[in-house]
Amino acid sequence: SCVAASEQYWFNHYQTKDGLPSNTIYAVVQDKYNFIWVATRDGICRFDGRGFVKLGDDSPNGLTSGMTPALCMDDEGGLWFANGNGVGCYNIDTGKTQSLGGLEENDIRYICQDAAGNIWFLSSNMYRYNKASGVVSKYMAADYFAPASITADSFGTIWVSSVSGDLYRYDSRTDQFELQEQNGIKSKIGRASCRERV
């Protein structure tokens, strides 16, 4: 008989004593250089496998400081983040931080990127930022559904869950969100109310 060897996994636990700005972690992403970026209650830091380096507080409007609940790394090396000071993008190659206007809310909870390279933000409403045109589209929740979370799958398809437990898939061809049943069959199509601004 054969005895299969089980794989061993080792975990290191990092805390503020190891250089983390806070022990409260909201999001973790990895960049193209394999650095790990961590969003914490007290700002953003980078981990190189040995130690943590916190982003400076000298960014526009103190964007990189304070509680940062949302983080996303785009395909071009932009580190998107949101906190109470607004939404910004940190360029990991140049070290420059750029603020994004056009969002009417600062309580962004989730950020993700779709297959076309658009950046999506979720708060009490949903926003889509077209990097090529600079246009921000707002998807109103008032007469549609209240979003709870948003994510992109491995194909870049946007999925949104509602506070009532429904699951929606965004169709970029029709600019609509399709309500999904548990078996994956479309049950009905809802149309979002969308406003664009530059």
Protein backbone atom coordinates (compact mmCIF):
# COMPACT_ATOMS: atom_id res chain seq x y z
CA SER A 1 0.00 0.00 0.00
CA CYS A 2 1.07 3.57 -0.66
CA VAL A 3 0.97 6.33 1.87
CA ALA A 4 0.56 9.76 0.31
CA ALA A 5 2.73 12.40 1.88
CA SER A 6 0.70 15.39 2.97
CA GLU A 7 1.96 18.84 2.02
CA GLN A 8 3.20 21.05 4.80
CA TYR A 9 2.08 24.67 4.91
CA TRP A 10 3.80 27.24 7.06
CA PHE A 11 2.19 30.47 8.19
CA ASN A 12 3.89 33.56 9.50
CA HIS A 13 1.75 35.93 11.55
CA TYR A 14 2.60 39.60 11.13
CA GLN A 15 1.47 42.36 13.48
CA THR A 16 2.27 45.99 14.24
CA LYS A 17 5.41 44.84 16.08
CA ASP A 18 6.63 43.53 12.72
CA GLY A 19 6.01 46.84 10.94
CA LEU A 20 2.34 46.66 9.93
CA PRO A 21 0.62 50.06 10.36
CA SER A 22 -2.35 48.28 12.00
CA ASN A 23 -3.43 44.78 12.94
CA THR A 24 -6.76 45.38 11.16
CA ILE A 25 -6.40 44.25 7.51
CA TYR A 26 -9.07 44.99 4.89
CA ALA A 27 -7.49 43.91 1.59
CA VAL A 28 -4.32 42.33 0.18
CA VAL A 29 -3.08 42.39 -3.45
CA GLN A 30 0.11 41.39 -5.25
CA ASP A 31 1.82 43.50 -7.93
CA LYS A 32 3.78 42.53 -11.06
CA TYR A 33 7.03 42.57 -9.07
CA ASN A 34 5.55 40.13 -6.51
CA PHE A 35 5.39 42.73 -3.76
CA ILE A 36 2.40 42.40 -1.44
CA TRP A 37 0.29 45.50 -0.77
CA VAL A 38 -1.84 45.61 2.36
CA ALA A 39 -4.76 47.94 3.12
CA THR A 40 -5.10 48.54 6.85
CA ARG A 41 -6.99 50.68 9.34
CA ASP A 42 -4.00 53.06 9.31
CA GLY A 43 -3.08 53.28 5.62
CA ILE A 44 -1.36 51.18 2.97
CA CYS A 45 1.94 49.35 3.18
CA ARG A 46 4.12 47.19 0.95
CA PHE A 47 5.66 43.89 2.02
CA ASP A 48 8.78 42.58 0.27
CA GLY A 49 9.01 39.25 2.10
CA ARG A 50 11.17 40.72 4.86
CA GLY A 51 9.58 43.91 6.06
CA PHE A 52 6.80 46.46 5.63
CA VAL A 53 7.09 49.95 4.16
CA LYS A 54 4.15 52.32 4.64
CA LEU A 55 3.14 54.67 1.84
CA GLY A 56 3.89 58.26 2.79
CA ASP A 57 1.24 60.70 3.95
CA ASP A 58 2.44 63.33 1.43
CA SER A 59 -0.03 62.24 -1.29
CA PRO A 60 -2.77 64.66 -2.45
CA ASN A 61 -5.34 65.28 0.32
CA GLY A 62 -3.65 62.62 2.48
CA LEU A 63 -5.10 59.95 0.21
CA THR A 64 -2.82 57.13 1.32
CA SER A 65 -3.34 57.70 5.04
CA GLY A 66 -6.13 56.52 7.31
CA MET A 67 -8.50 53.57 7.16
CA THR A 68 -8.34 51.99 3.69
CA PRO A 69 -11.08 49.38 3.18
CA ALA A 70 -10.63 48.86 -0.57
CA LEU A 71 -7.64 47.96 -2.73
CA CYS A 72 -7.16 46.75 -6.33
CA MET A 73 -4.15 46.27 -8.60
CA ASP A 74 -4.95 46.98 -12.27
CA ASP A 75 -3.26 45.45 -15.34
CA GLU A 76 -1.02 48.48 -15.84
CA GLY A 77 0.50 48.49 -12.37
CA GLY A 78 -1.85 51.02 -10.82
CA LEU A 79 -2.73 50.43 -7.18
CA TRP A 80 -6.29 51.68 -6.72
CA PHE A 81 -7.45 52.44 -3.20
CA ALA A 82 -10.23 54.22 -1.35
CA ASN A 83 -10.59 55.74 2.08
CA GLY A 84 -12.40 58.60 3.78
CA ASN A 85 -10.25 61.12 1.89
CA GLY A 86 -11.38 59.88 -1.53
CA VAL A 87 -10.23 57.53 -4.27
CA GLY A 88 -6.76 57.42 -5.75
CA CYS A 89 -4.32 55.42 -7.83
CA TYR A 90 -0.71 54.89 -6.81
CA ASN A 91 1.72 54.19 -9.66
CA ILE A 92 4.08 51.50 -8.37
CA ASP A 93 6.72 52.42 -11.00
CA THR A 94 6.84 56.20 -10.51
CA GLY A 95 5.68 56.46 -6.90
CA LYS A 96 3.12 59.12 -7.88
CA THR A 97 -0.41 59.20 -6.49
CA GLN A 98 -3.31 60.58 -8.52
CA SER A 99 -6.72 61.47 -7.11
CA LEU A 100 -9.87 60.43 -8.95
CA GLY A 101 -12.79 62.85 -8.98
CA GLY A 102 -16.31 62.21 -10.19
CA LEU A 103 -17.39 59.90 -7.39
CA GLU A 104 -20.02 61.41 -5.14
CA GLU A 105 -19.29 59.10 -2.21
CA ASN A 106 -16.19 58.47 -0.11
CA ASP A 107 -17.38 55.26 1.55
CA ILE A 108 -16.06 52.96 -1.20
CA ARG A 109 -16.00 49.35 0.07
CA TYR A 110 -14.85 47.39 -3.00
CA ILE A 111 -12.75 48.05 -6.11
CA CYS A 112 -12.18 45.72 -9.07
CA GLN A 113 -11.21 45.78 -12.75
CA ASP A 114 -13.19 44.31 -15.64
CA ALA A 115 -12.01 42.68 -18.87
CA ALA A 116 -11.98 46.03 -20.71
CA GLY A 117 -9.73 47.63 -18.10
CA ASN A 118 -12.49 49.69 -16.50
CA ILE A 119 -12.24 50.22 -12.75
CA TRP A 120 -15.40 49.55 -10.71
CA PHE A 121 -16.16 51.03 -7.30
CA LEU A 122 -18.92 50.01 -4.92
CA SER A 123 -20.45 52.02 -2.11
CA SER A 124 -24.20 52.53 -1.72
CA ASN A 125 -24.16 52.91 -5.54
CA MET A 126 -21.83 51.53 -8.21
CA TYR A 127 -19.37 53.48 -10.35
CA ARG A 128 -17.42 52.50 -13.46
CA TYR A 129 -14.32 54.49 -14.41
CA ASN A 130 -13.23 54.28 -18.05
CA LYS A 131 -9.46 54.89 -17.92
CA ALA A 132 -9.24 55.58 -21.67
CA SER A 133 -11.92 58.29 -21.77
CA GLY A 134 -11.75 59.52 -18.18
CA VAL A 135 -15.53 59.13 -17.85
CA VAL A 136 -17.11 58.00 -14.58
CA SER A 137 -20.49 56.27 -14.93
CA LYS A 138 -22.73 56.05 -11.87
CA TYR A 139 -25.21 53.19 -11.50
CA MET A 140 -27.99 54.34 -9.18
CA ALA A 141 -29.21 51.91 -6.55
CA ALA A 142 -32.36 53.81 -5.52
CA ASP A 143 -34.71 52.29 -8.11
CA TYR A 144 -32.69 49.19 -8.89
CA PHE A 145 -30.96 47.06 -6.23
CA ALA A 146 -28.80 47.87 -3.23
CA PRO A 147 -25.31 46.44 -3.88
CA ALA A 148 -23.49 44.55 -1.14
CA SER A 149 -20.27 43.43 -2.86
CA ILE A 150 -18.64 43.41 -6.29
CA THR A 151 -15.93 41.28 -7.86
CA ALA A 152 -14.48 40.31 -11.23
CA ASP A 153 -13.93 36.67 -12.18
CA SER A 154 -10.91 35.29 -14.07
CA PHE A 155 -12.51 36.38 -17.37
CA GLY A 156 -12.98 39.94 -16.13
CA THR A 157 -16.77 39.58 -15.85
CA ILE A 158 -18.31 41.79 -13.16
CA TRP A 159 -20.53 40.13 -10.55
CA VAL A 160 -22.50 42.05 -7.95
CA SER A 161 -24.38 40.71 -4.94
CA SER A 162 -27.26 42.67 -3.46
CA VAL A 163 -28.13 43.19 0.19
CA SER A 164 -31.18 40.97 -0.38
CA GLY A 165 -28.95 38.08 -1.46
CA ASP A 166 -29.44 38.24 -5.23
CA LEU A 167 -26.58 37.82 -7.69
CA TYR A 168 -26.20 40.00 -10.79
CA ARG A 169 -23.85 39.73 -13.78
CA TYR A 170 -22.94 42.86 -15.71
CA ASP A 171 -23.39 42.63 -19.50
CA SER A 172 -21.11 45.18 -21.15
CA ARG A 173 -22.88 44.79 -24.52
CA THR A 174 -26.18 46.05 -23.14
CA ASP A 175 -24.85 48.05 -20.16
CA GLN A 176 -27.26 46.11 -17.93
CA PHE A 177 -27.12 43.88 -14.88
CA GLU A 178 -28.70 40.45 -15.28
CA LEU A 179 -30.26 38.80 -12.26
CA GLN A 180 -29.03 35.20 -11.92
CA GLU A 181 -30.82 32.22 -10.42
CA GLN A 182 -28.90 29.74 -8.32
CA ASN A 183 -28.54 27.34 -11.23
CA GLY A 184 -26.98 30.08 -13.35
CA ILE A 185 -29.98 30.53 -15.65
CA LYS A 186 -31.01 34.11 -16.29
CA SER A 187 -34.39 34.85 -14.73
CA LYS A 188 -34.88 38.50 -15.60
CA ILE A 189 -32.95 41.56 -16.68
CA GLY A 190 -32.83 44.72 -14.67
CA ARG A 191 -31.76 48.01 -16.20
CA ALA A 192 -29.53 50.25 -14.14
CA SER A 193 -29.99 53.99 -14.12
CA CYS A 194 -26.66 55.35 -15.29
CA ARG A 195 -25.24 58.84 -15.39
CA GLU A 196 -21.92 59.70 -16.99
CA ARG A 197 -19.62 62.49 -15.96
CA VAL A 198 -16.12 63.54 -16.99
